[in-house]
Each structure stands twice: as structure tokens, then as C-alpha cells.
């Protein structure tokens, strides 16, 4: 996890890990 400072507590993002050979497939799925 990473934390930075701001006006109040707030979730910013979450990152999921994928296998390298799946990234292009995920890009096509999003499209």
C-alpha cells in the first residue's frame, strides 16, 4: 500500500496483478 497526505481520508485506487501474456488480452477486453 501507498499513502499520501490530503484533506481527509479517502481511497484513491487499487491495482491488480496479471500475468504478462494476459495484458494485451485485457486491453482488448476493455475495448
ModelCIF file with pLDDT and N, C-alpha, C, O atoms, coordinates in Angstrom:
data_MODEL
#
_entry.id   MODEL 
#
_entity.id                         1 
_entity.type                       polymer 
_entity.pdbx_number_of_molecules   1 
#
_entity_poly.entity_id                      1 
_entity_poly.type                           'polypeptide(L)' 
_entity_poly.nstd_linkage                   no 
_entity_poly.nstd_monomer                   no 
_entity_poly.pdbx_seq_one_letter_code       
;(UNK)(UNK)(UNK)(UNK)(UNK)(UNK)(UNK)(UNK)(UNK)(UNK)(UNK)(UNK)(UNK)(UNK)(UNK)(UNK)
(UNK)(UNK)(UNK)(UNK)(UNK)(UNK)(UNK)(UNK)(UNK)(UNK)(UNK)(UNK)(UNK)(UNK)(UNK)
;
_entity_poly.pdbx_seq_one_letter_code_can   XXXXXXXXXXXXXXXXXXXXXXXXXXXXXXX 
_entity_poly.pdbx_strand_id                 A 
#
loop_
_entity_poly_seq.entity_id 
_entity_poly_seq.num 
_entity_poly_seq.mon_id 
_entity_poly_seq.hetero 
1 1  UNK n 
1 2  UNK n 
1 3  UNK n 
1 4  UNK n 
1 5  UNK n 
1 6  UNK n 
1 7  UNK n 
1 8  UNK n 
1 9  UNK n 
1 10 UNK n 
1 11 UNK n 
1 12 UNK n 
1 13 UNK n 
1 14 UNK n 
1 15 UNK n 
1 16 UNK n 
1 17 UNK n 
1 18 UNK n 
1 19 UNK n 
1 20 UNK n 
1 21 UNK n 
1 22 UNK n 
1 23 UNK n 
1 24 UNK n 
1 25 UNK n 
1 26 UNK n 
1 27 UNK n 
1 28 UNK n 
1 29 UNK n 
1 30 UNK n 
1 31 UNK n 
#
_struct_asym.id          A 
_struct_asym.entity_id   1 
#
loop_
_ma_qa_metric.id 
_ma_qa_metric.mode 
_ma_qa_metric.name 
_ma_qa_metric.software_group_id 
_ma_qa_metric.type 
1 global pLDDT . pLDDT 
2 local  pLDDT . pLDDT 
#
_ma_qa_metric_global.metric_id      1 
_ma_qa_metric_global.metric_value   97.10 
_ma_qa_metric_global.model_id       1 
_ma_qa_metric_global.ordinal_id     1 
#
loop_
_ma_qa_metric_local.label_asym_id 
_ma_qa_metric_local.label_comp_id 
_ma_qa_metric_local.label_seq_id 
_ma_qa_metric_local.metric_id 
_ma_qa_metric_local.metric_value 
_ma_qa_metric_local.model_id 
_ma_qa_metric_local.ordinal_id 
A UNK 1  2 97.00 1 1  
A UNK 2  2 97.00 1 2  
A UNK 3  2 98.00 1 3  
A UNK 4  2 97.00 1 4  
A UNK 5  2 96.00 1 5  
A UNK 6  2 95.00 1 6  
A UNK 7  2 95.00 1 7  
A UNK 8  2 95.00 1 8  
A UNK 9  2 96.00 1 9  
A UNK 10 2 96.00 1 10 
A UNK 11 2 97.00 1 11 
A UNK 12 2 96.00 1 12 
A UNK 13 2 98.00 1 13 
A UNK 14 2 98.00 1 14 
A UNK 15 2 98.00 1 15 
A UNK 16 2 98.00 1 16 
A UNK 17 2 98.00 1 17 
A UNK 18 2 98.00 1 18 
A UNK 19 2 97.00 1 19 
A UNK 20 2 96.00 1 20 
A UNK 21 2 96.00 1 21 
A UNK 22 2 97.00 1 22 
A UNK 23 2 98.00 1 23 
A UNK 24 2 97.00 1 24 
A UNK 25 2 98.00 1 25 
A UNK 26 2 98.00 1 26 
A UNK 27 2 98.00 1 27 
A UNK 28 2 98.00 1 28 
A UNK 29 2 98.00 1 29 
A UNK 30 2 98.00 1 30 
A UNK 31 2 98.00 1 31 
#
loop_
_atom_site.group_PDB 
_atom_site.id 
_atom_site.type_symbol 
_atom_site.label_atom_id 
_atom_site.label_alt_id 
_atom_site.label_comp_id 
_atom_site.label_asym_id 
_atom_site.label_entity_id 
_atom_site.label_seq_id 
_atom_site.pdbx_PDB_ins_code 
_atom_site.Cartn_x 
_atom_site.Cartn_y 
_atom_site.Cartn_z 
_atom_site.occupancy 
_atom_site.B_iso_or_equiv 
_atom_site.pdbx_formal_charge 
_atom_site.auth_seq_id 
_atom_site.auth_comp_id 
_atom_site.auth_asym_id 
_atom_site.auth_atom_id 
_atom_site.pdbx_PDB_model_num 
ATOM 1   N N  . UNK A 1 1  ? 0.811   -1.210  0.000   1.00 97.00 ? 1  UNK A N  1 
ATOM 2   C CA . UNK A 1 1  ? 0.000   0.000   0.000   1.00 97.00 ? 1  UNK A CA 1 
ATOM 3   C C  . UNK A 1 1  ? 0.839   1.252   0.000   1.00 97.00 ? 1  UNK A C  1 
ATOM 4   O O  . UNK A 1 1  ? 1.959   1.271   0.512   1.00 97.00 ? 1  UNK A O  1 
ATOM 5   N N  . UNK A 1 2  ? 0.286   2.299   -0.580  1.00 97.00 ? 2  UNK A N  1 
ATOM 6   C CA . UNK A 1 2  ? 0.909   3.616   -0.568  1.00 97.00 ? 2  UNK A CA 1 
ATOM 7   C C  . UNK A 1 2  ? -0.057  4.618   0.050   1.00 97.00 ? 2  UNK A C  1 
ATOM 8   O O  . UNK A 1 2  ? -1.266  4.553   -0.173  1.00 97.00 ? 2  UNK A O  1 
ATOM 9   N N  . UNK A 1 3  ? 0.486   5.534   0.820   1.00 98.00 ? 3  UNK A N  1 
ATOM 10  C CA . UNK A 1 3  ? -0.326  6.546   1.489   1.00 98.00 ? 3  UNK A CA 1 
ATOM 11  C C  . UNK A 1 3  ? 0.262   7.914   1.198   1.00 98.00 ? 3  UNK A C  1 
ATOM 12  O O  . UNK A 1 3  ? 1.473   8.112   1.298   1.00 98.00 ? 3  UNK A O  1 
ATOM 13  N N  . UNK A 1 4  ? -0.589  8.849   0.840   1.00 97.00 ? 4  UNK A N  1 
ATOM 14  C CA . UNK A 1 4  ? -0.142  10.230  0.708   1.00 97.00 ? 4  UNK A CA 1 
ATOM 15  C C  . UNK A 1 4  ? -1.046  11.116  1.565   1.00 97.00 ? 4  UNK A C  1 
ATOM 16  O O  . UNK A 1 4  ? -2.027  10.640  2.135   1.00 97.00 ? 4  UNK A O  1 
ATOM 17  N N  . UNK A 1 5  ? -0.719  12.383  1.652   1.00 96.00 ? 5  UNK A N  1 
ATOM 18  C CA . UNK A 1 5  ? -1.428  13.285  2.551   1.00 96.00 ? 5  UNK A CA 1 
ATOM 19  C C  . UNK A 1 5  ? -2.424  14.138  1.776   1.00 96.00 ? 5  UNK A C  1 
ATOM 20  O O  . UNK A 1 5  ? -2.132  14.607  0.676   1.00 96.00 ? 5  UNK A O  1 
ATOM 21  N N  . UNK A 1 6  ? -3.595  14.331  2.356   1.00 95.00 ? 6  UNK A N  1 
ATOM 22  C CA . UNK A 1 6  ? -4.627  15.150  1.739   1.00 95.00 ? 6  UNK A CA 1 
ATOM 23  C C  . UNK A 1 6  ? -5.583  15.656  2.791   1.00 95.00 ? 6  UNK A C  1 
ATOM 24  O O  . UNK A 1 6  ? -5.369  15.438  3.983   1.00 95.00 ? 6  UNK A O  1 
ATOM 25  N N  . UNK A 1 7  ? -6.649  16.338  2.362   1.00 95.00 ? 7  UNK A N  1 
ATOM 26  C CA . UNK A 1 7  ? -7.566  16.972  3.320   1.00 95.00 ? 7  UNK A CA 1 
ATOM 27  C C  . UNK A 1 7  ? -8.248  15.989  4.269   1.00 95.00 ? 7  UNK A C  1 
ATOM 28  O O  . UNK A 1 7  ? -8.433  16.292  5.447   1.00 95.00 ? 7  UNK A O  1 
ATOM 29  N N  . UNK A 1 8  ? -8.624  14.803  3.758   1.00 95.00 ? 8  UNK A N  1 
ATOM 30  C CA . UNK A 1 8  ? -9.292  13.827  4.616   1.00 95.00 ? 8  UNK A CA 1 
ATOM 31  C C  . UNK A 1 8  ? -9.032  12.432  4.077   1.00 95.00 ? 8  UNK A C  1 
ATOM 32  O O  . UNK A 1 8  ? -8.574  12.270  2.946   1.00 95.00 ? 8  UNK A O  1 
ATOM 33  N N  . UNK A 1 9  ? -9.325  11.429  4.889   1.00 96.00 ? 9  UNK A N  1 
ATOM 34  C CA . UNK A 1 9  ? -9.076  10.060  4.474   1.00 96.00 ? 9  UNK A CA 1 
ATOM 35  C C  . UNK A 1 9  ? -9.950  9.694   3.274   1.00 96.00 ? 9  UNK A C  1 
ATOM 36  O O  . UNK A 1 9  ? -11.160 9.919   3.282   1.00 96.00 ? 9  UNK A O  1 
ATOM 37  N N  . UNK A 1 10 ? -9.318  9.129   2.244   1.00 96.00 ? 10 UNK A N  1 
ATOM 38  C CA . UNK A 1 10 ? -10.062 8.807   1.021   1.00 96.00 ? 10 UNK A CA 1 
ATOM 39  C C  . UNK A 1 10 ? -9.314  7.742   0.237   1.00 96.00 ? 10 UNK A C  1 
ATOM 40  O O  . UNK A 1 10 ? -8.104  7.837   0.031   1.00 96.00 ? 10 UNK A O  1 
ATOM 41  N N  . UNK A 1 11 ? -10.050 6.730   -0.197  1.00 97.00 ? 11 UNK A N  1 
ATOM 42  C CA . UNK A 1 11 ? -9.498  5.714   -1.097  1.00 97.00 ? 11 UNK A CA 1 
ATOM 43  C C  . UNK A 1 11 ? -9.203  6.340   -2.453  1.00 97.00 ? 11 UNK A C  1 
ATOM 44  O O  . UNK A 1 11 ? -10.012 7.114   -2.964  1.00 97.00 ? 11 UNK A O  1 
ATOM 45  N N  . UNK A 1 12 ? -8.043  6.012   -3.047  1.00 96.00 ? 12 UNK A N  1 
ATOM 46  C CA . UNK A 1 12 ? -7.707  6.557   -4.364  1.00 96.00 ? 12 UNK A CA 1 
ATOM 47  C C  . UNK A 1 12 ? -7.749  5.512   -5.468  1.00 96.00 ? 12 UNK A C  1 
ATOM 48  O O  . UNK A 1 12 ? -8.416  5.719   -6.482  1.00 96.00 ? 12 UNK A O  1 
ATOM 49  N N  . UNK A 1 13 ? -7.053  4.397   -5.296  1.00 98.00 ? 13 UNK A N  1 
ATOM 50  C CA . UNK A 1 13 ? -7.139  3.363   -6.326  1.00 98.00 ? 13 UNK A CA 1 
ATOM 51  C C  . UNK A 1 13 ? -6.649  2.035   -5.772  1.00 98.00 ? 13 UNK A C  1 
ATOM 52  O O  . UNK A 1 13 ? -6.026  1.972   -4.712  1.00 98.00 ? 13 UNK A O  1 
ATOM 53  N N  . UNK A 1 14 ? -6.948  0.969   -6.521  1.00 98.00 ? 14 UNK A N  1 
ATOM 54  C CA . UNK A 1 14 ? -6.434  -0.353  -6.223  1.00 98.00 ? 14 UNK A CA 1 
ATOM 55  C C  . UNK A 1 14 ? -5.835  -0.917  -7.511  1.00 98.00 ? 14 UNK A C  1 
ATOM 56  O O  . UNK A 1 14 ? -6.382  -0.727  -8.598  1.00 98.00 ? 14 UNK A O  1 
ATOM 57  N N  . UNK A 1 15 ? -4.711  -1.607  -7.375  1.00 98.00 ? 15 UNK A N  1 
ATOM 58  C CA . UNK A 1 15 ? -4.011  -2.179  -8.530  1.00 98.00 ? 15 UNK A CA 1 
ATOM 59  C C  . UNK A 1 15 ? -4.016  -3.696  -8.426  1.00 98.00 ? 15 UNK A C  1 
ATOM 60  O O  . UNK A 1 15 ? -3.638  -4.264  -7.402  1.00 98.00 ? 15 UNK A O  1 
ATOM 61  N N  . UNK A 1 16 ? -4.450  -4.341  -9.499  1.00 98.00 ? 16 UNK A N  1 
ATOM 62  C CA . UNK A 1 16 ? -4.479  -5.796  -9.562  1.00 98.00 ? 16 UNK A CA 1 
ATOM 63  C C  . UNK A 1 16 ? -3.337  -6.305  -10.439 1.00 98.00 ? 16 UNK A C  1 
ATOM 64  O O  . UNK A 1 16 ? -3.014  -5.699  -11.460 1.00 98.00 ? 16 UNK A O  1 
ATOM 65  N N  . UNK A 1 17 ? -2.730  -7.416  -10.037 1.00 98.00 ? 17 UNK A N  1 
ATOM 66  C CA . UNK A 1 17 ? -1.653  -8.018  -10.800 1.00 98.00 ? 17 UNK A CA 1 
ATOM 67  C C  . UNK A 1 17 ? -2.167  -9.026  -11.804 1.00 98.00 ? 17 UNK A C  1 
ATOM 68  O O  . UNK A 1 17 ? -3.122  -9.755  -11.537 1.00 98.00 ? 17 UNK A O  1 
ATOM 69  N N  . UNK A 1 18 ? -1.518  -9.063  -12.980 1.00 98.00 ? 18 UNK A N  1 
ATOM 70  C CA . UNK A 1 18 ? -1.883  -10.007 -14.035 1.00 98.00 ? 18 UNK A CA 1 
ATOM 71  C C  . UNK A 1 18 ? -0.621  -10.607 -14.636 1.00 98.00 ? 18 UNK A C  1 
ATOM 72  O O  . UNK A 1 18 ? 0.464   -10.036 -14.520 1.00 98.00 ? 18 UNK A O  1 
ATOM 73  N N  . UNK A 1 19 ? -0.768  -11.762 -15.280 1.00 97.00 ? 19 UNK A N  1 
ATOM 74  C CA . UNK A 1 19 ? 0.348   -12.369 -15.993 1.00 97.00 ? 19 UNK A CA 1 
ATOM 75  C C  . UNK A 1 19 ? 0.674   -11.535 -17.234 1.00 97.00 ? 19 UNK A C  1 
ATOM 76  O O  . UNK A 1 19 ? -0.214  -10.941 -17.845 1.00 97.00 ? 19 UNK A O  1 
ATOM 77  N N  . UNK A 1 20 ? 1.956   -11.499 -17.598 1.00 96.00 ? 20 UNK A N  1 
ATOM 78  C CA . UNK A 1 20 ? 2.400   -10.641 -18.692 1.00 96.00 ? 20 UNK A CA 1 
ATOM 79  C C  . UNK A 1 20 ? 1.696   -10.968 -19.999 1.00 96.00 ? 20 UNK A C  1 
ATOM 80  O O  . UNK A 1 20 ? 1.343   -10.062 -20.754 1.00 96.00 ? 20 UNK A O  1 
ATOM 81  N N  . UNK A 1 21 ? 1.486   -12.258 -20.278 1.00 96.00 ? 21 UNK A N  1 
ATOM 82  C CA . UNK A 1 21 ? 0.872   -12.622 -21.552 1.00 96.00 ? 21 UNK A CA 1 
ATOM 83  C C  . UNK A 1 21 ? -0.635  -12.396 -21.579 1.00 96.00 ? 21 UNK A C  1 
ATOM 84  O O  . UNK A 1 21 ? -1.285  -12.662 -22.589 1.00 96.00 ? 21 UNK A O  1 
ATOM 85  N N  . UNK A 1 22 ? -1.195  -11.905 -20.467 1.00 97.00 ? 22 UNK A N  1 
ATOM 86  C CA . UNK A 1 22 ? -2.624  -11.603 -20.427 1.00 97.00 ? 22 UNK A CA 1 
ATOM 87  C C  . UNK A 1 22 ? -2.927  -10.120 -20.612 1.00 97.00 ? 22 UNK A C  1 
ATOM 88  O O  . UNK A 1 22 ? -4.086  -9.759  -20.815 1.00 97.00 ? 22 UNK A O  1 
ATOM 89  N N  . UNK A 1 23 ? -1.921  -9.254  -20.548 1.00 98.00 ? 23 UNK A N  1 
ATOM 90  C CA . UNK A 1 23 ? -2.181  -7.821  -20.580 1.00 98.00 ? 23 UNK A CA 1 
ATOM 91  C C  . UNK A 1 23 ? -2.833  -7.385  -21.887 1.00 98.00 ? 23 UNK A C  1 
ATOM 92  O O  . UNK A 1 23 ? -3.799  -6.622  -21.867 1.00 98.00 ? 23 UNK A O  1 
ATOM 93  N N  . UNK A 1 24 ? -2.323  -7.855  -23.023 1.00 97.00 ? 24 UNK A N  1 
ATOM 94  C CA . UNK A 1 24 ? -2.932  -7.487  -24.307 1.00 97.00 ? 24 UNK A CA 1 
ATOM 95  C C  . UNK A 1 24 ? -4.376  -7.997  -24.386 1.00 97.00 ? 24 UNK A C  1 
ATOM 96  O O  . UNK A 1 24 ? -5.239  -7.335  -24.962 1.00 97.00 ? 24 UNK A O  1 
ATOM 97  N N  . UNK A 1 25 ? -4.630  -9.152  -23.818 1.00 98.00 ? 25 UNK A N  1 
ATOM 98  C CA . UNK A 1 25 ? -5.995  -9.692  -23.807 1.00 98.00 ? 25 UNK A CA 1 
ATOM 99  C C  . UNK A 1 25 ? -6.906  -8.813  -22.950 1.00 98.00 ? 25 UNK A C  1 
ATOM 100 O O  . UNK A 1 25 ? -8.063  -8.580  -23.302 1.00 98.00 ? 25 UNK A O  1 
ATOM 101 N N  . UNK A 1 26 ? -6.383  -8.332  -21.831 1.00 98.00 ? 26 UNK A N  1 
ATOM 102 C CA . UNK A 1 26 ? -7.177  -7.417  -21.004 1.00 98.00 ? 26 UNK A CA 1 
ATOM 103 C C  . UNK A 1 26 ? -7.451  -6.109  -21.745 1.00 98.00 ? 26 UNK A C  1 
ATOM 104 O O  . UNK A 1 26 ? -8.550  -5.562  -21.660 1.00 98.00 ? 26 UNK A O  1 
ATOM 105 N N  . UNK A 1 27 ? -6.453  -5.613  -22.468 1.00 98.00 ? 27 UNK A N  1 
ATOM 106 C CA . UNK A 1 27 ? -6.657  -4.379  -23.232 1.00 98.00 ? 27 UNK A CA 1 
ATOM 107 C C  . UNK A 1 27 ? -7.759  -4.561  -24.264 1.00 98.00 ? 27 UNK A C  1 
ATOM 108 O O  . UNK A 1 27 ? -8.591  -3.673  -24.449 1.00 98.00 ? 27 UNK A O  1 
ATOM 109 N N  . UNK A 1 28 ? -7.772  -5.703  -24.936 1.00 98.00 ? 28 UNK A N  1 
ATOM 110 C CA . UNK A 1 28 ? -8.824  -5.968  -25.922 1.00 98.00 ? 28 UNK A CA 1 
ATOM 111 C C  . UNK A 1 28 ? -10.190 -6.119  -25.232 1.00 98.00 ? 28 UNK A C  1 
ATOM 112 O O  . UNK A 1 28 ? -11.211 -5.671  -25.753 1.00 98.00 ? 28 UNK A O  1 
ATOM 113 N N  . UNK A 1 29 ? -10.188 -6.744  -24.076 1.00 98.00 ? 29 UNK A N  1 
ATOM 114 C CA . UNK A 1 29 ? -11.456 -6.893  -23.355 1.00 98.00 ? 29 UNK A CA 1 
ATOM 115 C C  . UNK A 1 29 ? -12.030 -5.535  -22.978 1.00 98.00 ? 29 UNK A C  1 
ATOM 116 O O  . UNK A 1 29 ? -13.227 -5.299  -23.139 1.00 98.00 ? 29 UNK A O  1 
ATOM 117 N N  . UNK A 1 30 ? -11.181 -4.640  -22.476 1.00 98.00 ? 30 UNK A N  1 
ATOM 118 C CA . UNK A 1 30 ? -11.663 -3.304  -22.127 1.00 98.00 ? 30 UNK A CA 1 
ATOM 119 C C  . UNK A 1 30 ? -12.248 -2.610  -23.341 1.00 98.00 ? 30 UNK A C  1 
ATOM 120 O O  . UNK A 1 30 ? -13.301 -1.977  -23.257 1.00 98.00 ? 30 UNK A O  1 
ATOM 121 N N  . UNK A 1 31 ? -11.561 -2.730  -24.473 1.00 98.00 ? 31 UNK A N  1 
ATOM 122 C CA . UNK A 1 31 ? -12.051 -2.098  -25.697 1.00 98.00 ? 31 UNK A CA 1 
ATOM 123 C C  . UNK A 1 31 ? -13.373 -2.714  -26.138 1.00 98.00 ? 31 UNK A C  1 
ATOM 124 O O  . UNK A 1 31 ? -13.936 -2.305  -27.153 1.00 98.00 ? 31 UNK A O  1 
#
